[in-house]
Protein backbone atom coordinates (compact mmCIF):
# COMPACT_ATOMS: atom_id res chain seq x y z
CA MET A 1 -19.27 -9.24 -32.50
CA THR A 2 -18.15 -12.97 -32.02
CA LEU A 3 -14.51 -13.96 -32.01
CA ASP A 4 -13.07 -14.14 -35.47
CA PRO A 5 -12.72 -17.69 -36.61
CA VAL A 6 -9.02 -17.61 -37.24
CA ALA A 7 -8.42 -15.84 -34.12
CA LYS A 8 -10.31 -18.55 -32.20
CA VAL A 9 -8.13 -21.09 -33.59
CA LEU A 10 -5.06 -19.05 -32.75
CA MET A 11 -6.36 -18.45 -29.34
CA ASP A 12 -6.99 -22.10 -28.44
CA ALA A 13 -3.41 -22.90 -29.61
CA MET A 14 -2.09 -20.18 -27.37
CA ASP A 15 -4.34 -21.36 -24.42
CA GLN A 16 -2.83 -24.90 -24.70
CA ALA A 17 0.61 -23.56 -24.77
CA PHE A 18 0.58 -20.79 -22.26
CA PRO A 19 0.68 -21.50 -18.53
CA ARG A 20 -2.45 -20.70 -16.28
CA VAL A 21 -0.30 -18.61 -14.21
CA GLU A 22 -2.65 -18.71 -11.24
CA THR A 23 -1.65 -22.38 -10.56
CA MET A 24 1.95 -21.58 -10.64
CA THR A 25 4.70 -19.57 -8.72
CA GLY A 26 6.15 -16.82 -10.83
CA ALA A 27 9.37 -18.79 -11.21
CA GLU A 28 7.49 -21.66 -12.55
CA ALA A 29 5.38 -19.71 -14.96
CA ARG A 30 8.73 -17.98 -16.36
CA ALA A 31 10.55 -21.31 -16.83
CA HIS A 32 7.27 -22.67 -18.79
CA VAL A 33 7.29 -19.61 -20.97
CA THR A 34 11.02 -19.92 -21.66
CA ARG A 35 10.51 -23.61 -22.70
CA MET A 36 7.67 -22.64 -24.88
CA VAL A 37 9.42 -19.98 -26.69
CA ALA A 38 12.74 -22.19 -27.20
CA SER A 39 10.49 -24.82 -28.75
CA LEU A 40 9.18 -22.48 -31.58
CA ALA A 41 11.12 -22.80 -34.89
CA ILE A 42 10.28 -19.45 -36.17
CA ASP A 43 12.80 -17.65 -38.68
CA PRO A 44 13.16 -14.06 -37.22
CA GLU A 45 12.56 -11.03 -39.37
CA PRO A 46 15.88 -9.82 -40.51
CA VAL A 47 16.94 -6.26 -39.19
CA ALA A 48 20.20 -4.47 -39.87
CA ARG A 49 21.56 -5.10 -36.37
CA VAL A 50 20.74 -6.56 -33.01
CA GLU A 51 22.83 -5.83 -29.88
CA ASN A 52 22.37 -6.84 -26.17
CA ARG A 53 23.74 -4.38 -23.56
CA SER A 54 22.98 -3.27 -20.33
CA VAL A 55 22.20 0.18 -18.95
CA PRO A 56 22.39 1.64 -15.38
CA GLY A 57 19.32 1.12 -13.26
CA PRO A 58 18.40 2.04 -9.83
CA ASP A 59 19.30 -1.26 -8.34
CA GLY A 60 21.96 -2.43 -10.70
CA PRO A 61 22.20 -2.83 -14.50
CA VAL A 62 19.13 -3.32 -16.55
CA PRO A 63 19.50 -5.64 -19.51
CA VAL A 64 18.33 -4.14 -23.01
CA ARG A 65 18.45 -5.17 -26.60
CA PHE A 66 18.81 -2.81 -29.26
CA TYR A 67 17.34 -3.24 -32.96
CA TRP A 68 18.36 -1.19 -35.96
CA PRO A 69 16.19 -1.10 -38.86
CA GLU A 70 17.20 -2.97 -42.12
CA ASP A 71 16.46 -0.05 -44.48
CA PRO A 72 17.27 2.86 -42.16
CA ALA A 73 16.81 6.67 -42.97
CA ARG A 74 19.90 8.93 -42.42
CA ALA A 75 21.14 8.76 -38.90
CA PRO A 76 20.39 9.96 -36.30
CA LEU A 77 17.10 7.76 -36.11
CA PRO A 78 14.14 8.00 -33.89
CA ALA A 79 13.83 5.58 -31.08
CA LEU A 80 11.11 3.48 -29.53
CA VAL A 81 11.93 2.28 -25.92
CA TYR A 82 9.72 -0.85 -25.45
CA PHE A 83 8.35 -2.66 -22.44
CA HIS A 84 7.08 -6.14 -22.88
CA GLY A 85 4.02 -7.62 -21.59
CA GLY A 86 3.59 -10.48 -19.05
CA GLY A 87 1.72 -9.28 -16.08
CA TRP A 88 4.95 -7.83 -14.58
CA VAL A 89 5.93 -11.51 -13.93
CA ILE A 90 6.63 -13.39 -17.17
CA CYS A 91 8.23 -12.85 -20.48
CA ASP A 92 11.56 -11.30 -21.47
CA LEU A 93 13.43 -9.86 -24.30
CA ASP A 94 13.11 -13.10 -26.29
CA THR A 95 9.33 -13.60 -25.95
CA HIS A 96 9.09 -10.22 -27.75
CA ASP A 97 11.96 -10.42 -30.19
CA ALA A 98 9.48 -10.80 -33.35
CA THR A 99 7.42 -7.71 -32.16
CA CYS A 100 10.50 -5.67 -31.65
CA ARG A 101 12.01 -6.54 -35.10
CA ALA A 102 8.75 -6.01 -36.76
CA ILE A 103 8.50 -2.59 -35.22
CA THR A 104 12.06 -1.29 -36.06
CA ASN A 105 11.47 -2.13 -39.63
CA GLY A 106 7.96 -0.97 -39.90
CA ALA A 107 8.49 2.35 -38.23
CA GLY A 108 12.03 2.82 -39.39
CA CYS A 109 13.32 3.43 -35.84
CA VAL A 110 15.88 1.97 -33.26
CA VAL A 111 13.88 -0.15 -30.85
CA VAL A 112 15.25 -0.62 -27.27
CA SER A 113 13.67 -3.60 -25.69
CA VAL A 114 13.87 -3.24 -21.80
CA ASP A 115 14.28 -6.45 -19.54
CA TYR A 116 13.09 -4.67 -16.41
CA ARG A 117 13.04 -6.54 -13.10
CA LEU A 118 10.16 -9.04 -12.60
CA ALA A 119 7.88 -9.71 -9.76
CA PRO A 120 7.25 -11.16 -7.23
CA GLU A 121 10.93 -10.88 -6.47
CA HIS A 122 10.95 -7.31 -7.46
CA LYS A 123 7.71 -5.56 -6.41
CA PHE A 124 6.28 -2.26 -7.45
CA PRO A 125 7.77 0.16 -8.36
CA ALA A 126 10.81 -1.77 -9.46
CA ALA A 127 9.48 -2.52 -13.00
CA ALA A 128 8.47 1.23 -13.53
CA GLU A 129 11.72 2.55 -12.14
CA ASP A 130 13.78 0.21 -14.52
CA ALA A 131 11.66 1.23 -17.41
CA TYR A 132 12.00 4.96 -16.70
CA ALA A 133 15.91 4.54 -16.07
CA ALA A 134 16.34 2.88 -19.37
CA THR A 135 14.27 5.57 -21.22
CA LEU A 136 16.47 8.24 -19.49
CA TRP A 137 19.68 6.56 -20.53
CA VAL A 138 18.55 6.34 -24.19
CA ALA A 139 17.90 10.06 -24.08
CA ALA A 140 21.12 11.05 -22.31
CA ASN A 141 23.28 8.67 -24.66
CA ALA A 142 21.31 9.22 -27.79
CA SER A 143 24.34 10.34 -29.97
CA ASP A 144 26.28 7.18 -29.06
CA ILE A 145 23.69 4.85 -30.30
CA GLY A 146 22.76 6.85 -33.52
CA VAL A 147 19.36 8.17 -31.90
CA ASP A 148 17.83 11.65 -32.11
CA ALA A 149 17.20 12.68 -28.60
CA THR A 150 14.35 14.86 -29.60
CA ARG A 151 12.40 11.86 -31.35
CA ILE A 152 12.15 9.18 -28.61
CA ALA A 153 8.76 7.34 -28.08
CA VAL A 154 7.81 4.72 -25.52
CA GLY A 155 5.51 1.77 -26.03
CA GLY A 156 4.40 -1.69 -24.67
CA ASP A 157 1.83 -4.30 -24.53
CA SER A 158 -0.29 -5.31 -21.62
CA ALA A 159 1.83 -4.73 -18.43
CA GLY A 160 4.20 -3.02 -20.97
CA GLY A 161 1.37 -0.72 -21.78
CA ASN A 162 1.06 0.00 -18.03
CA LEU A 163 4.75 0.79 -17.78
CA THR A 164 4.60 2.97 -20.95
CA ALA A 165 1.84 5.12 -19.30
CA ALA A 166 3.79 5.20 -15.92
CA VAL A 167 7.13 6.20 -17.84
CA ALA A 168 5.28 9.02 -19.52
CA LEU A 169 3.91 10.27 -16.08
CA MET A 170 7.28 9.90 -14.48
CA ALA A 171 9.00 11.84 -17.41
CA ARG A 172 6.45 14.68 -16.89
CA ASP A 173 6.62 14.70 -13.23
CA ARG A 174 10.66 14.47 -13.21
CA ALA A 175 10.85 17.05 -16.18
CA ALA A 176 13.05 14.35 -18.40
CA PRO A 177 13.33 12.97 -20.64
CA GLU A 178 11.27 14.42 -23.45
CA ILE A 179 9.05 11.85 -24.93
CA VAL A 180 7.15 12.49 -28.27
CA PHE A 181 4.77 9.61 -28.35
CA GLN A 182 3.21 6.60 -26.19
CA LEU A 183 2.12 3.52 -27.99
CA MET A 184 -0.07 1.33 -25.70
CA LEU A 185 -1.19 -2.05 -26.74
CA TYR A 186 -4.19 -3.36 -24.68
CA PRO A 187 -2.57 -1.72 -21.63
CA VAL A 188 -3.40 -2.45 -17.88
CA THR A 189 -4.38 1.11 -16.86
CA ASP A 190 -6.07 0.42 -13.35
CA VAL A 191 -5.36 -2.21 -10.95
CA THR A 192 -7.65 -1.05 -8.11
CA SER A 193 -10.49 -2.97 -9.59
CA LEU A 194 -11.30 -5.96 -11.78
CA ASP A 195 -14.75 -5.17 -12.23
CA THR A 196 -15.76 -3.34 -15.57
CA PRO A 197 -18.10 -4.62 -18.25
CA SER A 198 -15.16 -5.81 -20.26
CA TYR A 199 -14.16 -7.93 -17.27
CA ARG A 200 -17.67 -9.25 -16.88
CA ASP A 201 -18.01 -10.01 -20.45
CA ASN A 202 -14.43 -11.40 -21.26
CA GLY A 203 -13.00 -12.57 -17.92
CA VAL A 204 -13.32 -16.24 -18.84
CA GLY A 205 -12.54 -17.94 -22.11
CA TYR A 206 -10.60 -15.45 -23.95
CA PHE A 207 -7.03 -16.11 -23.11
CA LEU A 208 -6.34 -13.49 -20.38
CA THR A 209 -8.70 -14.21 -17.64
CA THR A 210 -9.96 -12.43 -14.33
CA ALA A 211 -8.42 -15.30 -12.48
CA SER A 212 -4.87 -14.60 -13.83
CA MET A 213 -5.37 -10.77 -13.44
CA ASP A 214 -6.10 -11.40 -9.85
CA TRP A 215 -3.08 -13.39 -9.57
CA TYR A 216 -0.72 -10.89 -11.22
CA ARG A 217 -1.88 -8.00 -8.92
CA PRO A 218 -0.48 -9.37 -5.73
CA GLN A 219 2.69 -10.64 -7.31
CA TYR A 220 3.33 -6.96 -8.44
CA LEU A 221 2.10 -4.94 -5.63
CA SER A 222 3.22 -5.43 -1.96
CA ASP A 223 -0.05 -4.33 -0.75
CA LEU A 224 -3.33 -3.61 -2.72
CA SER A 225 -3.08 -0.17 -1.05
CA GLU A 226 -0.40 0.57 -3.64
CA ALA A 227 -2.93 -0.03 -6.46
CA SER A 228 -4.24 3.58 -6.50
CA HIS A 229 -0.65 5.10 -7.08
CA PRO A 230 -0.58 6.68 -10.52
CA TYR A 231 2.59 4.78 -11.60
CA ALA A 232 0.57 1.64 -10.81
CA SER A 233 -2.86 2.65 -12.12
CA PRO A 234 -2.43 5.61 -14.59
CA LEU A 235 -6.09 5.84 -14.98
CA ARG A 236 -6.29 6.86 -11.18
CA ALA A 237 -3.76 9.80 -11.83
CA ALA A 238 -5.26 13.16 -10.75
CA ASP A 239 -3.64 15.13 -13.52
CA LEU A 240 -2.92 13.82 -17.07
CA THR A 241 -2.02 17.10 -18.72
CA GLY A 242 1.29 17.65 -20.35
CA LEU A 243 1.70 13.93 -21.41
CA PRO A 244 2.79 12.91 -25.03
CA PRO A 245 0.31 12.04 -27.57
CA ALA A 246 -0.93 8.43 -27.69
CA LEU A 247 -2.27 5.64 -29.65
CA VAL A 248 -4.25 3.08 -27.49
CA ILE A 249 -5.02 -0.24 -29.24
CA THR A 250 -7.65 -2.51 -27.55
CA ALA A 251 -9.25 -5.74 -28.18
CA GLU A 252 -12.78 -6.37 -28.24
CA HIS A 253 -12.68 -9.69 -26.29
CA ASP A 254 -10.21 -8.45 -23.65
CA PRO A 255 -10.84 -7.98 -19.99
CA LEU A 256 -8.58 -4.89 -20.18
CA ARG A 257 -10.46 -3.33 -22.86
CA ASP A 258 -12.54 -0.72 -20.95
CA GLU A 259 -9.90 0.53 -19.03
CA GLY A 260 -7.44 1.09 -22.14
CA GLU A 261 -10.43 3.07 -23.56
CA ALA A 262 -11.06 5.06 -20.61
CA TYR A 263 -7.49 6.04 -20.18
CA ALA A 264 -7.54 7.38 -23.82
CA ALA A 265 -10.68 9.32 -23.04
CA ARG A 266 -9.11 10.88 -19.88
CA LEU A 267 -6.07 11.87 -22.11
CA ARG A 268 -8.31 13.62 -24.35
CA ASP A 269 -10.24 15.32 -21.68
CA ALA A 270 -6.83 16.61 -20.35
CA GLY A 271 -5.95 18.05 -23.79
CA VAL A 272 -3.76 15.25 -24.80
CA PRO A 273 -4.12 14.14 -28.39
CA ALA A 274 -5.03 10.54 -28.05
CA THR A 275 -6.27 7.95 -30.65
CA VAL A 276 -8.08 4.73 -29.53
CA THR A 277 -8.74 1.79 -31.86
CA ARG A 278 -10.79 -1.09 -30.78
CA TYR A 279 -10.15 -4.22 -33.10
CA ASP A 280 -13.30 -6.42 -32.98
CA GLY A 281 -13.36 -10.19 -33.11
CA VAL A 282 -10.01 -10.59 -31.32
CA PHE A 283 -8.63 -11.24 -27.93
CA HIS A 284 -5.87 -9.91 -25.55
CA GLY A 285 -2.34 -10.51 -27.00
CA PHE A 286 -3.55 -10.51 -30.55
CA PHE A 287 -0.71 -7.90 -31.75
CA ALA A 288 1.90 -10.82 -31.39
CA LEU A 289 0.24 -12.86 -34.00
CA GLY A 290 1.78 -10.58 -36.69
CA ILE A 291 0.93 -12.10 -40.23
CA LEU A 292 -1.34 -14.79 -38.92
CA LEU A 293 -4.24 -12.65 -38.34
CA ASP A 294 -5.65 -9.83 -40.38
CA ALA A 295 -6.35 -7.70 -37.24
CA ALA A 296 -2.80 -7.98 -36.01
CA LYS A 297 -1.57 -6.85 -39.44
CA GLN A 298 -3.76 -3.76 -39.35
CA ALA A 299 -2.73 -2.93 -35.82
CA HIS A 300 0.98 -3.20 -36.80
CA GLU A 301 0.35 -1.02 -39.77
CA GLU A 302 -1.63 1.48 -37.61
CA SER A 303 1.15 1.48 -34.95
CA TYR A 304 4.07 2.02 -37.65
CA ALA A 305 2.14 5.00 -39.26
CA ALA A 306 1.53 6.59 -35.66
CA LEU A 307 5.11 6.31 -34.71
CA ARG A 308 6.32 7.70 -38.17
CA GLU A 309 4.03 10.73 -37.93
CA ALA A 310 4.95 11.41 -34.37
CA PHE A 311 8.81 11.05 -35.32
CA THR A 312 8.23 13.67 -38.21
CA LEU A 313 6.58 16.40 -36.17
């Protein structure tokens, strides 16, 4: 299927605004994104409450942002611990504020957005360890924040989807915390290779490029030998049994499409309930386009429904 005409217009606008990271340092790319977000005059979706805090991490405090839904059910509420995308190098709490607001209202849960340490200043596994520490803290302090410790999910987009899978593996391997669901939006699941059919078909001209992924990898990893570690490339994990149910959302015109779908298939092969939905005619990052794109609206509704179902089991 060709690119949706509305998606094409939006993608071209994003290409104009978003940095070609492979031409910059990590700090330069982050500064560009910060300026871009500050220039957007978008009224945020109202929620009941937003609070910035920090939680203990493995190497100092980890900033987090809590969102409480505008029309909550009776407390304690379920929670989604959310990890933003950005190739482990760029983006932050502000870039994903709109997404987190939408999810907290749509799924009726507390969302905890995690500002994990970024590469290249902080190499693998810093981001994964921060993400895990924040998830563990939410579970351990659930009653203090009005959260039900038995209804905690993890989720994220792109590199945040990678961290979602990593945290689920870490929680299983370390026997805590209990996670009931994982939501992965066009996740990175394999950094050992950038050579799949979806890379070959979509690696140029569809917002996320092979060149940018080839730049992100060495920013995050100290050495490419780390790429096969299961917390860096969850698809390469030897054992995926015992993981929480998952929804994996992919985009047709995305270099990461095949590895996301392969991860869902491996989860199913391991006996883990996993749904994968490919949205045709759209590109990497489409979920963030909210009400501007029909596919994004559908993906939001699918994600909310999956979370609500997981939280009621």
